[in-house]
Structures are given as C-alpha cells and as structure tokens.
Amino acid sequence: MSNLLSQLMPALAGVGFKSQHFESIINQQTNVAWFEIHAENHMGKGGIFHHHLEQLCLIYPLSIHGVGLSLGSFDGICDRQLADLKTLVNRYQPALVSEHLSWSRHGTHSLNDLLPMPYTQESLKVFVDNISHTQDVLGRQILIENPSSYFELNYNEFSESEFLVSIAQQSGCGILLDVNNVYVSAMNHGFDAKEYIDAVAPVSVGEIHLAGHSVQAMHDKEIRIDDHGSKVCDAVWELYQYTLDKIGAKPTLIEWDNDVPAWQELAEQADIANSYLKKIDVALNTYE
C-alpha cells in the first residue's frame, strides 16, 4: 500500500480544528500548518461543520482522524461506518487518515470509548485483517495510533510496541506515534518510554501527536490520564525531542479537546512544536 499521500503533509505543527476558532484562523496570520478533524463529527452531508471545512481546505492540508471504526472488533468492520468514512475521505482528499489501536463495537452495540486490546497472536490477525480491508476500501494507507493505557493484561504475548510494529509490517499501514500516550503509559506501568520509541522504525511513522494529560491519585499511587485538556508538559516535550532525534521531523499535531483554550493559546503550543521541528531541519542541513 503506497504511502505517497502522507508526503503531502508538511513536517510542521498542526492543531485539531474547533469551530469556535474558525474566524480567528481565517482572519489572522498563523504558523499553524495544517488541521485535523475527527471523522465522526463530519459524517453528515451538510451543516456548519462542512461549511467551515470546505473553506479551511482551500488554505490548509487536512488530516482525518477516526475514533469509531473499531479496528480491533473480532466480527469485522461495520460496512456502513467504513462507507461513511470513504465518502468523507473522497470529499476532502486529506493528506493523512488515521485510526486507533483499540476496539469500540461488539455486534450491534457501540461504546463511546477506545477500549484496550489483548496483545496476542489472535488479536494481531484481527487487526491486520481489519486494517487491510479498510485500506483496500479507502484505496490508501492509514496510520494507527498507539493508545494510552491504565492497566495491563496478564496474558499478553507481545509488548505494545512489538504489537504495533507487527501490525504495521503485516498490514502495510503506517504509525501515528502519540508521544504523550507513550509517556502516560510508561509512567503508569513503569516501562522505559525511550525504549518504546526506539522500537518503532522511523520510516513507518507518518504523524506524531502531542497533548496535555492530568495526574490523579488512585489508592496509594498516581495515575496519568490522557485527557487532552491542558498544555503539553515539559517531560513530554523532552520525550518529543528524543523522538525527533530518532525518527526525524514529522507532521505533529497538538491535541486539545477538553477545556479548549482561546485560539492564541492553542496556536502558541503549535509554535513550540515548530521550534523543535525547525531545529531538527537545521541539524540535518548542517550534517549534510
């Protein structure tokens, strides 16, 4: 499966599009290079969302990020959901399309959550089959995002990084490397976040996500929750620098979906990401 479409996205910072920011985006100069939308918010045929999106796409590249395809479902992909996604992708021709390493549907029941999967040979085949089918229907490569996790199953046969890498190798999909999720999971479970990053082949990474998270007390320990409700913390910026040093500059999204700030504050987070990305470009040019 070709990944040429992902090359249309610049290796600069983007943000999630929020309708309350539309006027600021259109009327103000910004260094934000691209925007992401959640697929399920735009599967209707009309309305204000599409009115905004049609104007936005005249100026900026777009990434479509699905949250409900349920690639881990053992009974396969919902044909209607996939058809709606294909219609949206065909309409806007995004540079990137992505989904999650998770499941959210069983039979006719859909759950409004990204639920964890066991990392076993059986579930690996399920993911590979579902991703391959999705890519065949869409006619393009998709990216798969690593999750944040809060518990580990005692019957896993792979580490998460091994599982994710195997899926990419066997299905031909790319990886959406969420650096905040790696950090959150590493802190919750006690593994080395840098070793996780090291396990991912640079060529497989088509996009990076960054976000804020919260720290909550649970019994006698702290747990980190990926809530997309604040600025990226210093520790995640440090891991982002390590990631860029390992895999090079990649399109990088700032996720901020809860307690959404004013446009200027969100754009400032993108400016910080761009400062890291530009340092990588300078270093590469100097080396060459």
C-alpha atoms as a PDB file:
ATOM      1  CA  MET A   1       0.000   0.000   0.000  1.00  0.00           C
ATOM      2  CA  SER A   2       1.555   3.284  -1.094  1.00  0.00           C
ATOM      3  CA  ASN A   3       2.269   5.992   1.463  1.00  0.00           C
ATOM      4  CA  LEU A   4       2.734   8.754  -1.139  1.00  0.00           C
ATOM      5  CA  LEU A   5      -0.319  10.663   0.098  1.00  0.00           C
ATOM      6  CA  SER A   6       1.258  11.187   3.515  1.00  0.00           C
ATOM      7  CA  GLN A   7       4.111  13.043   1.824  1.00  0.00           C
ATOM      8  CA  LEU A   8       1.723  15.895   1.020  1.00  0.00           C
ATOM      9  CA  MET A   9       1.590  16.852   4.701  1.00  0.00           C
ATOM     10  CA  PRO A  10       4.417  19.192   5.741  1.00  0.00           C
ATOM     11  CA  ALA A  11       6.641  18.160   8.631  1.00  0.00           C
ATOM     12  CA  LEU A  12       5.313  21.065  10.693  1.00  0.00           C
ATOM     13  CA  ALA A  13       2.821  21.539  13.513  1.00  0.00           C
ATOM     14  CA  GLY A  14      -0.937  21.331  13.128  1.00  0.00           C
ATOM     15  CA  VAL A  15      -3.858  21.501  15.551  1.00  0.00           C
ATOM     16  CA  GLY A  16      -7.279  19.960  15.898  1.00  0.00           C
ATOM     17  CA  PHE A  17      -9.897  22.126  14.221  1.00  0.00           C
ATOM     18  CA  LYS A  18     -12.547  23.606  16.519  1.00  0.00           C
ATOM     19  CA  SER A  19     -15.437  25.575  15.034  1.00  0.00           C
ATOM     20  CA  GLN A  20     -15.122  28.329  17.669  1.00  0.00           C
ATOM     21  CA  HIS A  21     -11.672  29.113  16.249  1.00  0.00           C
ATOM     22  CA  PHE A  22     -12.802  29.414  12.631  1.00  0.00           C
ATOM     23  CA  GLU A  23     -12.943  33.221  12.418  1.00  0.00           C
ATOM     24  CA  SER A  24      -9.529  33.584  14.068  1.00  0.00           C
ATOM     25  CA  ILE A  25      -7.990  31.027  11.724  1.00  0.00           C
ATOM     26  CA  ILE A  26      -9.368  32.676   8.602  1.00  0.00           C
ATOM     27  CA  ASN A  27      -8.725  36.283   9.646  1.00  0.00           C
ATOM     28  CA  GLN A  28      -5.397  36.071  11.485  1.00  0.00           C
ATOM     29  CA  GLN A  29      -1.923  35.155  10.327  1.00  0.00           C
ATOM     30  CA  THR A  30      -0.774  31.889  11.878  1.00  0.00           C
ATOM     31  CA  ASN A  31       2.172  29.500  11.807  1.00  0.00           C
ATOM     32  CA  VAL A  32      -0.164  26.511  12.193  1.00  0.00           C
ATOM     33  CA  ALA A  33       0.486  24.472   9.047  1.00  0.00           C
ATOM     34  CA  TRP A  34      -2.454  22.027   8.939  1.00  0.00           C
ATOM     35  CA  PHE A  35      -5.588  20.864  10.726  1.00  0.00           C
ATOM     36  CA  GLU A  36      -7.081  17.596  11.934  1.00  0.00           C
ATOM     37  CA  ILE A  37     -10.750  16.695  12.255  1.00  0.00           C
ATOM     38  CA  HIS A  38     -12.454  13.728  13.897  1.00  0.00           C
ATOM     39  CA  ALA A  39     -14.179  11.787  11.156  1.00  0.00           C
ATOM     40  CA  GLU A  40     -17.374  11.054  13.076  1.00  0.00           C
ATOM     41  CA  ASN A  41     -18.090  14.770  13.595  1.00  0.00           C
ATOM     42  CA  HIS A  42     -18.315  15.308   9.825  1.00  0.00           C
ATOM     43  CA  MET A  43     -20.185  12.284   8.502  1.00  0.00           C
ATOM     44  CA  GLY A  44     -23.392  14.246   7.938  1.00  0.00           C
ATOM     45  CA  LYS A  45     -23.931  15.669   4.469  1.00  0.00           C
ATOM     46  CA  GLY A  46     -24.240  19.351   5.328  1.00  0.00           C
ATOM     47  CA  GLY A  47     -24.319  21.896   8.110  1.00  0.00           C
ATOM     48  CA  ILE A  48     -21.924  24.418   9.604  1.00  0.00           C
ATOM     49  CA  PHE A  49     -19.124  21.857  10.064  1.00  0.00           C
ATOM     50  CA  HIS A  50     -18.898  21.263   6.314  1.00  0.00           C
ATOM     51  CA  HIS A  51     -19.299  24.961   5.554  1.00  0.00           C
ATOM     52  CA  HIS A  52     -16.229  25.685   7.692  1.00  0.00           C
ATOM     53  CA  LEU A  53     -14.286  22.689   6.447  1.00  0.00           C
ATOM     54  CA  GLU A  54     -14.767  23.497   2.775  1.00  0.00           C
ATOM     55  CA  GLN A  55     -13.234  26.931   3.332  1.00  0.00           C
ATOM     56  CA  LEU A  56     -10.449  25.598   5.534  1.00  0.00           C
ATOM     57  CA  CYS A  57      -9.383  23.029   2.930  1.00  0.00           C
ATOM     58  CA  LEU A  58      -8.832  25.763   0.363  1.00  0.00           C
ATOM     59  CA  ILE A  59      -5.933  27.013   2.506  1.00  0.00           C
ATOM     60  CA  TYR A  60      -4.606  24.170   4.674  1.00  0.00           C
ATOM     61  CA  PRO A  61      -3.818  20.444   4.358  1.00  0.00           C
ATOM     62  CA  LEU A  62      -6.152  18.199   6.316  1.00  0.00           C
ATOM     63  CA  SER A  63      -5.809  15.062   8.427  1.00  0.00           C
ATOM     64  CA  ILE A  64      -8.885  12.901   9.158  1.00  0.00           C
ATOM     65  CA  HIS A  65      -8.681  11.015  12.449  1.00  0.00           C
ATOM     66  CA  GLY A  66     -11.272   8.325  13.103  1.00  0.00           C
ATOM     67  CA  VAL A  67     -12.382   7.360  16.595  1.00  0.00           C
ATOM     68  CA  GLY A  68     -15.138   4.828  15.900  1.00  0.00           C
ATOM     69  CA  LEU A  69     -14.052   2.335  13.249  1.00  0.00           C
ATOM     70  CA  SER A  70     -13.230  -0.289  15.910  1.00  0.00           C
ATOM     71  CA  LEU A  71     -10.346  -1.969  14.118  1.00  0.00           C
ATOM     72  CA  GLY A  72      -9.998  -4.457  16.971  1.00  0.00           C
ATOM     73  CA  SER A  73     -13.506  -5.905  16.612  1.00  0.00           C
ATOM     74  CA  PHE A  74     -13.423  -9.670  16.095  1.00  0.00           C
ATOM     75  CA  ASP A  75     -16.591  -9.538  13.946  1.00  0.00           C
ATOM     76  CA  GLY A  76     -15.028  -7.128  11.448  1.00  0.00           C
ATOM     77  CA  ILE A  77     -15.569  -3.541  10.393  1.00  0.00           C
ATOM     78  CA  CYS A  78     -19.042  -2.032  10.197  1.00  0.00           C
ATOM     79  CA  ASP A  79     -19.707  -1.637   6.455  1.00  0.00           C
ATOM     80  CA  ARG A  80     -21.823   1.476   6.946  1.00  0.00           C
ATOM     81  CA  GLN A  81     -19.203   3.179   9.142  1.00  0.00           C
ATOM     82  CA  LEU A  82     -16.489   2.409   6.627  1.00  0.00           C
ATOM     83  CA  ALA A  83     -18.635   3.612   3.722  1.00  0.00           C
ATOM     84  CA  ASP A  84     -19.292   6.902   5.523  1.00  0.00           C
ATOM     85  CA  LEU A  85     -15.559   7.292   6.156  1.00  0.00           C
ATOM     86  CA  LYS A  86     -14.815   6.630   2.483  1.00  0.00           C
ATOM     87  CA  THR A  87     -17.355   9.279   1.452  1.00  0.00           C
ATOM     88  CA  LEU A  88     -15.696  11.807   3.767  1.00  0.00           C
ATOM     89  CA  VAL A  89     -12.199  10.919   2.560  1.00  0.00           C
ATOM     90  CA  ASN A  90     -13.252  11.166  -1.081  1.00  0.00           C
ATOM     91  CA  ARG A  91     -14.905  14.525  -0.447  1.00  0.00           C
ATOM     92  CA  TYR A  92     -11.916  16.226   1.199  1.00  0.00           C
ATOM     93  CA  GLN A  93      -8.915  14.193  -0.030  1.00  0.00           C
ATOM     94  CA  PRO A  94      -6.958  14.550   3.228  1.00  0.00           C
ATOM     95  CA  ALA A  95      -3.191  14.154   3.299  1.00  0.00           C
ATOM     96  CA  LEU A  96      -3.470  11.696   6.211  1.00  0.00           C
ATOM     97  CA  VAL A  97      -6.121   9.286   7.514  1.00  0.00           C
ATOM     98  CA  SER A  98      -5.698   7.608  10.893  1.00  0.00           C
ATOM     99  CA  GLU A  99      -7.399   5.409  13.474  1.00  0.00           C
ATOM    100  CA  HIS A 100      -6.673   3.797  16.847  1.00  0.00           C
ATOM    101  CA  LEU A 101      -5.196   0.600  18.210  1.00  0.00           C
ATOM    102  CA  SER A 102      -8.435  -0.206  20.021  1.00  0.00           C
ATOM    103  CA  TRP A 103     -11.971  -1.537  19.725  1.00  0.00           C
ATOM    104  CA  SER A 104     -15.337   0.061  20.496  1.00  0.00           C
ATOM    105  CA  ARG A 105     -18.007  -2.187  18.971  1.00  0.00           C
ATOM    106  CA  HIS A 106     -19.368  -5.694  19.508  1.00  0.00           C
ATOM    107  CA  GLY A 107     -22.166  -6.871  17.258  1.00  0.00           C
ATOM    108  CA  THR A 108     -24.773  -4.115  17.125  1.00  0.00           C
ATOM    109  CA  HIS A 109     -23.513  -2.428  20.300  1.00  0.00           C
ATOM    110  CA  SER A 110     -21.181   0.570  20.007  1.00  0.00           C
ATOM    111  CA  LEU A 111     -19.384   2.036  23.002  1.00  0.00           C
ATOM    112  CA  ASN A 112     -18.283   5.653  23.189  1.00  0.00           C
ATOM    113  CA  ASP A 113     -14.742   4.782  24.175  1.00  0.00           C
ATOM    114  CA  LEU A 114     -11.420   3.493  22.843  1.00  0.00           C
ATOM    115  CA  LEU A 115     -11.140   0.150  24.607  1.00  0.00           C
ATOM    116  CA  PRO A 116      -7.852  -1.742  25.024  1.00  0.00           C
ATOM    117  CA  MET A 117      -6.977  -4.942  23.206  1.00  0.00           C
ATOM    118  CA  PRO A 118      -5.077  -8.033  24.351  1.00  0.00           C
ATOM    119  CA  TYR A 119      -1.740  -8.184  22.582  1.00  0.00           C
ATOM    120  CA  THR A 120      -1.953 -11.751  21.314  1.00  0.00           C
ATOM    121  CA  GLN A 121      -1.451 -13.582  18.010  1.00  0.00           C
ATOM    122  CA  GLU A 122      -5.210 -13.899  17.650  1.00  0.00           C
ATOM    123  CA  SER A 123      -5.913 -10.188  18.067  1.00  0.00           C
ATOM    124  CA  LEU A 124      -2.931  -9.352  15.853  1.00  0.00           C
ATOM    125  CA  LYS A 125      -4.592 -11.211  12.985  1.00  0.00           C
ATOM    126  CA  VAL A 126      -7.870  -9.403  13.660  1.00  0.00           C
ATOM    127  CA  PHE A 127      -6.183  -6.020  13.443  1.00  0.00           C
ATOM    128  CA  VAL A 128      -4.190  -6.888  10.333  1.00  0.00           C
ATOM    129  CA  ASP A 129      -7.295  -8.214   8.553  1.00  0.00           C
ATOM    130  CA  ASN A 130      -9.442  -5.217   9.517  1.00  0.00           C
ATOM    131  CA  ILE A 131      -6.762  -2.677   8.617  1.00  0.00           C
ATOM    132  CA  SER A 132      -6.077  -4.383   5.295  1.00  0.00           C
ATOM    133  CA  HIS A 133      -9.799  -4.345   4.482  1.00  0.00           C
ATOM    134  CA  THR A 134     -10.060  -0.669   5.455  1.00  0.00           C
ATOM    135  CA  GLN A 135      -7.094   0.267   3.283  1.00  0.00           C
ATOM    136  CA  ASP A 136      -8.500  -1.699   0.349  1.00  0.00           C
ATOM    137  CA  VAL A 137     -11.863   0.073   0.608  1.00  0.00           C
ATOM    138  CA  LEU A 138     -10.319   3.524   1.025  1.00  0.00           C
ATOM    139  CA  GLY A 139      -7.678   2.860  -1.618  1.00  0.00           C
ATOM    140  CA  ARG A 140      -4.927   4.295   0.550  1.00  0.00           C
ATOM    141  CA  GLN A 141      -2.692   3.724   3.542  1.00  0.00           C
ATOM    142  CA  ILE A 142      -3.934   4.629   7.005  1.00  0.00           C
ATOM    143  CA  LEU A 143      -1.996   5.331  10.205  1.00  0.00           C
ATOM    144  CA  ILE A 144      -2.640   3.538  13.509  1.00  0.00           C
ATOM    145  CA  GLU A 145      -2.236   5.398  16.814  1.00  0.00           C
ATOM    146  CA  ASN A 146      -0.805   3.826  19.960  1.00  0.00           C
ATOM    147  CA  PRO A 147      -3.153   4.176  22.956  1.00  0.00           C
ATOM    148  CA  SER A 148      -2.722   5.472  26.477  1.00  0.00           C
ATOM    149  CA  SER A 149      -3.236   2.627  28.939  1.00  0.00           C
ATOM    150  CA  TYR A 150      -4.155   2.311  32.583  1.00  0.00           C
ATOM    151  CA  PHE A 151      -3.885  -1.447  33.187  1.00  0.00           C
ATOM    152  CA  GLU A 152      -2.069  -4.372  31.588  1.00  0.00           C
ATOM    153  CA  LEU A 153      -3.465  -7.816  30.805  1.00  0.00           C
ATOM    154  CA  ASN A 154      -1.523 -10.722  32.270  1.00  0.00           C
ATOM    155  CA  TYR A 155      -1.951 -12.871  29.146  1.00  0.00           C
ATOM    156  CA  ASN A 156      -0.359 -10.523  26.594  1.00  0.00           C
ATOM    157  CA  GLU A 157       2.005 -12.258  24.182  1.00  0.00           C
ATOM    158  CA  PHE A 158       3.618  -9.028  22.910  1.00  0.00           C
ATOM    159  CA  SER A 159       4.638  -5.734  24.368  1.00  0.00           C
ATOM    160  CA  GLU A 160       2.566  -2.871  22.974  1.00  0.00           C
ATOM    161  CA  SER A 161       5.420  -1.605  20.815  1.00  0.00           C
ATOM    162  CA  GLU A 162       6.034  -5.105  19.411  1.00  0.00           C
ATOM    163  CA  PHE A 163       2.337  -5.465  18.651  1.00  0.00           C
ATOM    164  CA  LEU A 164       2.105  -2.082  16.925  1.00  0.00           C
ATOM    165  CA  VAL A 165       5.238  -2.676  14.849  1.00  0.00           C
ATOM    166  CA  SER A 166       3.997  -6.140  13.796  1.00  0.00           C
ATOM    167  CA  ILE A 167       0.664  -4.689  12.670  1.00  0.00           C
ATOM    168  CA  ALA A 168       2.435  -2.091  10.524  1.00  0.00           C
ATOM    169  CA  GLN A 169       4.733  -4.695   8.985  1.00  0.00           C
ATOM    170  CA  GLN A 170       1.960  -7.164   8.174  1.00  0.00           C
ATOM    171  CA  SER A 171      -0.772  -4.765   7.000  1.00  0.00           C
ATOM    172  CA  GLY A 172       1.314  -2.066   5.322  1.00  0.00           C
ATOM    173  CA  CYS A 173      -0.242   0.649   7.476  1.00  0.00           C
ATOM    174  CA  GLY A 174       1.766   3.479   8.969  1.00  0.00           C
ATOM    175  CA  ILE A 175       2.074   4.522  12.599  1.00  0.00           C
ATOM    176  CA  LEU A 176       0.688   7.615  14.262  1.00  0.00           C
ATOM    177  CA  LEU A 177       3.090   7.901  17.179  1.00  0.00           C
ATOM    178  CA  ASP A 178       1.394   9.619  20.103  1.00  0.00           C
ATOM    179  CA  VAL A 179       4.315  10.731  22.274  1.00  0.00           C
ATOM    180  CA  ASN A 180       2.060  11.818  25.117  1.00  0.00           C
ATOM    181  CA  ASN A 181       0.409   8.382  25.144  1.00  0.00           C
ATOM    182  CA  VAL A 182       3.809   6.689  25.279  1.00  0.00           C
ATOM    183  CA  TYR A 183       4.756   8.875  28.244  1.00  0.00           C
ATOM    184  CA  VAL A 184       1.437   8.348  30.059  1.00  0.00           C
ATOM    185  CA  SER A 185       1.562   4.574  29.635  1.00  0.00           C
ATOM    186  CA  ALA A 186       5.244   4.403  30.602  1.00  0.00           C
ATOM    187  CA  MET A 187       4.608   6.324  33.804  1.00  0.00           C
ATOM    188  CA  ASN A 188       1.524   4.239  34.637  1.00  0.00           C
ATOM    189  CA  HIS A 189       3.235   0.877  34.052  1.00  0.00           C
ATOM    190  CA  GLY A 190       6.900   1.575  34.762  1.00  0.00           C
ATOM    191  CA  PHE A 191       8.444   0.819  31.366  1.00  0.00           C
ATOM    192  CA  ASP A 192      11.056   2.923  29.554  1.00  0.00           C
ATOM    193  CA  ALA A 193       9.386   5.395  27.168  1.00  0.00           C
ATOM    194  CA  LYS A 194      12.586   5.800  25.168  1.00  0.00           C
ATOM    195  CA  GLU A 195      12.829   2.052  24.546  1.00  0.00           C
ATOM    196  CA  TYR A 196       9.286   2.184  23.157  1.00  0.00           C
ATOM    197  CA  ILE A 197      10.305   4.980  20.768  1.00  0.00           C
ATOM    198  CA  ASP A 198      13.442   3.062  19.775  1.00  0.00           C
ATOM    199  CA  ALA A 199      11.345   0.035  18.747  1.00  0.00           C
ATOM    200  CA  VAL A 200       9.442   1.986  16.059  1.00  0.00           C
ATOM    201  CA  ALA A 201      11.016   2.212  12.603  1.00  0.00           C
ATOM    202  CA  PRO A 202      11.315   5.872  11.544  1.00  0.00           C
ATOM    203  CA  VAL A 203      10.040   5.143   8.032  1.00  0.00           C
ATOM    204  CA  SER A 204       6.760   3.774   9.427  1.00  0.00           C
ATOM    205  CA  VAL A 205       5.855   6.974  11.314  1.00  0.00           C
ATOM    206  CA  GLY A 206       3.603   9.302   9.330  1.00  0.00           C
ATOM    207  CA  GLU A 207       2.479  11.627  12.110  1.00  0.00           C
ATOM    208  CA  ILE A 208       3.117  12.489  15.768  1.00  0.00           C
ATOM    209  CA  HIS A 209       0.579  13.549  18.398  1.00  0.00           C
ATOM    210  CA  LEU A 210       1.255  15.703  21.456  1.00  0.00           C
ATOM    211  CA  ALA A 211      -1.239  16.579  24.194  1.00  0.00           C
ATOM    212  CA  GLY A 212      -1.656  17.508  27.806  1.00  0.00           C
ATOM    213  CA  HIS A 213      -2.597  14.993  30.475  1.00  0.00           C
ATOM    214  CA  SER A 214      -3.714  15.073  34.102  1.00  0.00           C
ATOM    215  CA  VAL A 215      -2.246  13.405  37.183  1.00  0.00           C
ATOM    216  CA  GLN A 216      -4.733  11.836  39.581  1.00  0.00           C
ATOM    217  CA  ALA A 217      -4.422   9.952  42.844  1.00  0.00           C
ATOM    218  CA  MET A 218      -5.628   6.355  42.893  1.00  0.00           C
ATOM    219  CA  HIS A 219      -5.244   4.407  46.130  1.00  0.00           C
ATOM    220  CA  ASP A 220      -1.558   4.714  47.052  1.00  0.00           C
ATOM    221  CA  LYS A 221      -0.201   5.810  43.658  1.00  0.00           C
ATOM    222  CA  GLU A 222      -0.503   8.447  40.968  1.00  0.00           C
ATOM    223  CA  ILE A 223      -2.031   7.679  37.599  1.00  0.00           C
ATOM    224  CA  ARG A 224      -1.739   9.797  34.487  1.00  0.00           C
ATOM    225  CA  ILE A 225      -4.855  10.304  32.351  1.00  0.00           C
ATOM    226  CA  ASP A 226      -4.680  11.287  28.686  1.00  0.00           C
ATOM    227  CA  ASP A 227      -7.430  13.917  28.800  1.00  0.00           C
ATOM    228  CA  HIS A 228      -6.316  16.435  26.121  1.00  0.00           C
ATOM    229  CA  GLY A 229      -7.253  19.248  28.463  1.00  0.00           C
ATOM    230  CA  SER A 230      -4.072  21.268  29.045  1.00  0.00           C
ATOM    231  CA  LYS A 231      -0.705  22.328  27.661  1.00  0.00           C
ATOM    232  CA  VAL A 232       1.947  19.773  26.781  1.00  0.00           C
ATOM    233  CA  CYS A 233       4.099  19.265  29.884  1.00  0.00           C
ATOM    234  CA  ASP A 234       7.898  19.638  29.994  1.00  0.00           C
ATOM    235  CA  ALA A 235       8.517  15.886  30.297  1.00  0.00           C
ATOM    236  CA  VAL A 236       6.533  15.196  27.119  1.00  0.00           C
ATOM    237  CA  TRP A 237       8.373  17.969  25.266  1.00  0.00           C
ATOM    238  CA  GLU A 238      11.626  16.284  26.326  1.00  0.00           C
ATOM    239  CA  LEU A 239      10.391  12.916  25.021  1.00  0.00           C
ATOM    240  CA  TYR A 240       9.292  14.649  21.814  1.00  0.00           C
ATOM    241  CA  GLN A 241      12.845  15.945  21.331  1.00  0.00           C
ATOM    242  CA  TYR A 242      14.169  12.418  21.829  1.00  0.00           C
ATOM    243  CA  THR A 243      11.620  11.136  19.300  1.00  0.00           C
ATOM    244  CA  LEU A 244      12.594  13.694  16.659  1.00  0.00           C
ATOM    245  CA  ASP A 245      16.271  12.884  17.168  1.00  0.00           C
ATOM    246  CA  LYS A 246      15.435   9.228  16.479  1.00  0.00           C
ATOM    247  CA  ILE A 247      12.931   9.446  13.610  1.00  0.00           C
ATOM    248  CA  GLY A 248      13.385  12.911  12.118  1.00  0.00           C
ATOM    249  CA  ALA A 249      10.872  15.698  11.604  1.00  0.00           C
ATOM    250  CA  LYS A 250       7.262  14.510  11.139  1.00  0.00           C
ATOM    251  CA  PRO A 251       3.888  16.293  10.925  1.00  0.00           C
ATOM    252  CA  THR A 252       2.999  16.952  14.560  1.00  0.00           C
ATOM    253  CA  LEU A 253      -0.477  17.563  15.956  1.00  0.00           C
ATOM    254  CA  ILE A 254      -1.298  19.426  19.153  1.00  0.00           C
ATOM    255  CA  GLU A 255      -4.427  17.788  20.626  1.00  0.00           C
ATOM    256  CA  TRP A 256      -6.564  19.915  22.945  1.00  0.00           C
ATOM    257  CA  ASP A 257     -10.144  18.619  23.043  1.00  0.00           C
ATOM    258  CA  ASN A 258     -11.332  19.420  26.595  1.00  0.00           C
ATOM    259  CA  ASP A 259     -11.390  22.865  28.219  1.00  0.00           C
ATOM    260  CA  VAL A 260     -10.494  24.169  24.769  1.00  0.00           C
ATOM    261  CA  PRO A 261      -8.496  27.407  25.064  1.00  0.00           C
ATOM    262  CA  ALA A 262      -8.614  30.579  23.031  1.00  0.00           C
ATOM    263  CA  TRP A 263      -7.095  30.303  19.580  1.00  0.00           C
ATOM    264  CA  GLN A 264      -3.937  32.191  20.523  1.00  0.00           C
ATOM    265  CA  GLU A 265      -3.039  29.777  23.325  1.00  0.00           C
ATOM    266  CA  LEU A 266      -3.551  26.751  21.079  1.00  0.00           C
ATOM    267  CA  ALA A 267      -1.500  28.342  18.292  1.00  0.00           C
ATOM    268  CA  GLU A 268       1.308  29.020  20.777  1.00  0.00           C
ATOM    269  CA  GLN A 269       1.560  25.293  21.519  1.00  0.00           C
ATOM    270  CA  ALA A 270       1.946  24.691  17.779  1.00  0.00           C
ATOM    271  CA  ASP A 271       4.662  27.364  17.689  1.00  0.00           C
ATOM    272  CA  ILE A 272       6.601  25.454  20.348  1.00  0.00           C
ATOM    273  CA  ALA A 273       6.336  22.228  18.340  1.00  0.00           C
ATOM    274  CA  ASN A 274       7.508  24.097  15.234  1.00  0.00           C
ATOM    275  CA  SER A 275      10.555  25.343  17.120  1.00  0.00           C
ATOM    276  CA  TYR A 276      11.555  21.719  17.822  1.00  0.00           C
ATOM    277  CA  LEU A 277      10.877  20.675  14.221  1.00  0.00           C
ATOM    278  CA  LYS A 278      12.914  23.525  12.765  1.00  0.00           C
ATOM    279  CA  LYS A 279      15.880  22.647  14.984  1.00  0.00           C
ATOM    280  CA  ILE A 280      15.803  19.136  13.526  1.00  0.00           C
ATOM    281  CA  ASP A 281      15.803  20.561   9.975  1.00  0.00           C
ATOM    282  CA  VAL A 282      18.739  22.841  10.797  1.00  0.00           C
ATOM    283  CA  ALA A 283      20.671  19.924  12.297  1.00  0.00           C
ATOM    284  CA  LEU A 284      20.037  17.759   9.222  1.00  0.00           C
ATOM    285  CA  ASN A 285      21.076  20.532   6.824  1.00  0.00           C
ATOM    286  CA  THR A 286      24.225  21.185   8.845  1.00  0.00           C
ATOM    287  CA  TYR A 287      25.113  17.497   8.774  1.00  0.00           C
ATOM    288  CA  GLU A 288      24.588  17.270   5.042  1.00  0.00           C
END
